[in-house]
């Protein structure tokens, strides 16, 4: 997994590590509203989808840091946890978030890859105005951010 994340925009490199029909889940399975903000969000297939995601992420944010903190697994599964800091390219907002990557492996090649982050934080780096109103606590009041 760490090898894949070393050069995720190099299609030949990615193809050498994943199956042709690899499933890639970025941030969620499917969310139309999030996809409007982050077009790579959702479930896609093939090594090209992984490369396109990381190319797009590089257009939307400048990576300030990417720090894996734990990597472990078996012959069938791998997981990586860490943190990264991005600066949004349009608004120059900086955000630091934890991340988690999960992979399924068959015969030494990745068949399934799932990348998760604090999407509330990363999405907020694109927020250019307005307010959001939330009501989550059954005993509490609305929260406006």
Protein backbone atom coordinates (compact mmCIF):
# COMPACT_ATOMS: atom_id res chain seq x y z
CA UNK A 1 0.00 0.00 0.00
CA UNK A 2 2.76 2.44 0.85
CA UNK A 3 4.31 1.69 -2.55
CA UNK A 4 1.06 2.61 -4.28
CA UNK A 5 0.84 5.92 -2.42
CA UNK A 6 4.45 6.81 -3.31
CA UNK A 7 3.51 7.38 -6.99
CA UNK A 8 -0.30 7.35 -7.25
CA UNK A 9 -0.32 9.53 -10.40
CA UNK A 10 1.97 7.21 -12.40
CA UNK A 11 -0.38 4.92 -14.34
CA UNK A 12 2.29 2.29 -15.07
CA UNK A 13 3.26 2.17 -11.40
CA UNK A 14 -0.36 1.90 -10.27
CA UNK A 15 -1.17 -0.78 -12.87
CA UNK A 16 1.75 -2.87 -11.60
CA UNK A 17 0.22 -2.94 -8.10
CA UNK A 18 -3.52 -3.32 -8.71
CA UNK A 19 -5.79 -5.59 -10.71
CA UNK A 20 -7.36 -4.24 -13.92
CA UNK A 21 -10.78 -4.24 -12.22
CA UNK A 22 -9.68 -2.80 -8.87
CA UNK A 23 -12.51 -1.15 -6.94
CA UNK A 24 -11.60 2.26 -5.53
CA UNK A 25 -13.79 3.91 -2.89
CA UNK A 26 -12.90 7.53 -2.24
CA UNK A 27 -14.47 9.13 0.85
CA UNK A 28 -17.86 7.37 0.52
CA UNK A 29 -19.70 4.87 -1.62
CA UNK A 30 -21.82 7.47 -3.42
CA UNK A 31 -22.91 10.98 -2.44
CA UNK A 32 -24.13 13.27 -5.22
CA UNK A 33 -23.68 16.49 -3.21
CA UNK A 34 -20.12 15.65 -2.19
CA UNK A 35 -19.29 14.64 -5.77
CA UNK A 36 -20.22 18.19 -6.86
CA UNK A 37 -17.50 19.53 -4.53
CA UNK A 38 -15.00 16.66 -4.87
CA UNK A 39 -15.62 14.97 -8.24
CA UNK A 40 -13.53 11.92 -7.30
CA UNK A 41 -15.79 11.02 -4.36
CA UNK A 42 -17.60 7.71 -4.59
CA UNK A 43 -16.94 4.26 -5.99
CA UNK A 44 -15.05 3.72 -9.24
CA UNK A 45 -13.18 0.92 -10.98
CA UNK A 46 -9.84 0.42 -12.64
CA UNK A 47 -6.34 1.79 -12.06
CA UNK A 48 -7.16 4.90 -14.10
CA UNK A 49 -9.69 5.95 -11.45
CA UNK A 50 -6.99 5.92 -8.78
CA UNK A 51 -4.63 8.00 -10.92
CA UNK A 52 -7.39 10.47 -11.87
CA UNK A 53 -8.32 10.92 -8.21
CA UNK A 54 -4.79 11.81 -7.16
CA UNK A 55 -4.30 14.10 -10.18
CA UNK A 56 -7.53 15.92 -9.29
CA UNK A 57 -6.62 16.13 -5.60
CA UNK A 58 -3.33 17.73 -6.69
CA UNK A 59 -5.26 20.35 -8.66
CA UNK A 60 -7.65 21.17 -5.81
CA UNK A 61 -5.06 21.17 -3.00
CA UNK A 62 -1.36 21.62 -2.49
CA UNK A 63 -0.02 18.92 -0.19
CA UNK A 64 1.78 20.52 2.76
CA UNK A 65 2.47 17.18 4.47
CA UNK A 66 1.49 13.51 4.22
CA UNK A 67 2.50 11.52 7.28
CA UNK A 68 1.71 7.81 7.57
CA UNK A 69 1.63 6.88 11.27
CA UNK A 70 0.80 3.16 11.14
CA UNK A 71 0.85 0.50 8.43
CA UNK A 72 -0.04 -3.11 9.03
CA UNK A 73 -1.72 -6.07 7.45
CA UNK A 74 -1.56 -9.63 6.26
CA UNK A 75 -1.27 -11.32 2.88
CA UNK A 76 -4.95 -10.48 2.24
CA UNK A 77 -5.50 -7.09 3.92
CA UNK A 78 -3.56 -3.91 4.60
CA UNK A 79 -4.36 -0.71 6.45
CA UNK A 80 -2.61 2.62 6.81
CA UNK A 81 -3.46 5.43 9.19
CA UNK A 82 -1.95 8.89 9.36
CA UNK A 83 -2.47 12.59 8.84
CA UNK A 84 -2.08 15.06 6.04
CA UNK A 85 -2.19 18.83 5.65
CA UNK A 86 -3.56 20.40 2.47
CA UNK A 87 -3.86 24.00 1.28
CA UNK A 88 -6.81 24.58 -1.07
CA UNK A 89 -5.58 26.05 -4.34
CA UNK A 90 -8.50 28.44 -4.85
CA UNK A 91 -9.02 29.84 -1.33
CA UNK A 92 -5.62 29.02 0.25
CA UNK A 93 -7.33 27.49 3.30
CA UNK A 94 -5.16 25.02 5.23
CA UNK A 95 -6.62 21.89 6.78
CA UNK A 96 -5.07 18.99 8.68
CA UNK A 97 -6.99 15.73 8.86
CA UNK A 98 -6.48 12.13 9.83
CA UNK A 99 -6.75 9.58 7.04
CA UNK A 100 -7.28 5.84 6.77
CA UNK A 101 -6.64 3.57 3.80
CA UNK A 102 -7.86 -0.01 3.59
CA UNK A 103 -6.81 -2.50 0.92
CA UNK A 104 -7.76 -6.03 -0.05
CA UNK A 105 -5.04 -8.01 -1.81
CA UNK A 106 -5.15 -11.17 -3.92
CA UNK A 107 -2.01 -12.81 -5.27
CA UNK A 108 0.05 -9.75 -4.36
CA UNK A 109 -2.12 -7.20 -6.18
CA UNK A 110 -4.68 -4.81 -4.78
CA UNK A 111 -8.29 -5.63 -5.70
CA UNK A 112 -10.01 -3.08 -3.44
CA UNK A 113 -8.81 0.26 -2.10
CA UNK A 114 -10.74 2.57 0.22
CA UNK A 115 -9.49 6.04 1.23
CA UNK A 116 -11.17 7.92 4.08
CA UNK A 117 -10.52 11.33 5.63
CA UNK A 118 -12.32 13.98 7.65
CA UNK A 119 -14.42 15.14 4.72
CA UNK A 120 -16.14 17.79 6.85
CA UNK A 121 -12.75 19.45 7.34
CA UNK A 122 -11.44 19.02 3.80
CA UNK A 123 -14.72 20.18 2.28
CA UNK A 124 -14.64 23.27 4.49
CA UNK A 125 -11.35 24.26 2.84
CA UNK A 126 -13.48 25.06 -0.23
CA UNK A 127 -16.13 27.02 1.66
CA UNK A 128 -16.28 30.55 0.33
CA UNK A 129 -19.24 31.94 2.26
CA UNK A 130 -22.60 31.41 3.86
CA UNK A 131 -23.46 29.41 6.93
CA UNK A 132 -24.44 25.84 7.68
CA UNK A 133 -27.09 24.96 10.24
CA UNK A 134 -26.98 21.59 12.02
CA UNK A 135 -29.18 19.94 14.60
CA UNK A 136 -27.58 16.70 15.80
CA UNK A 137 -28.05 16.62 19.58
CA UNK A 138 -31.58 15.41 20.43
CA UNK A 139 -31.43 17.55 23.60
CA UNK A 140 -29.59 20.49 22.09
CA UNK A 141 -30.16 23.45 19.92
CA UNK A 142 -29.19 24.14 16.36
CA UNK A 143 -25.55 24.87 15.65
CA UNK A 144 -24.69 27.44 13.01
CA UNK A 145 -21.21 27.42 11.52
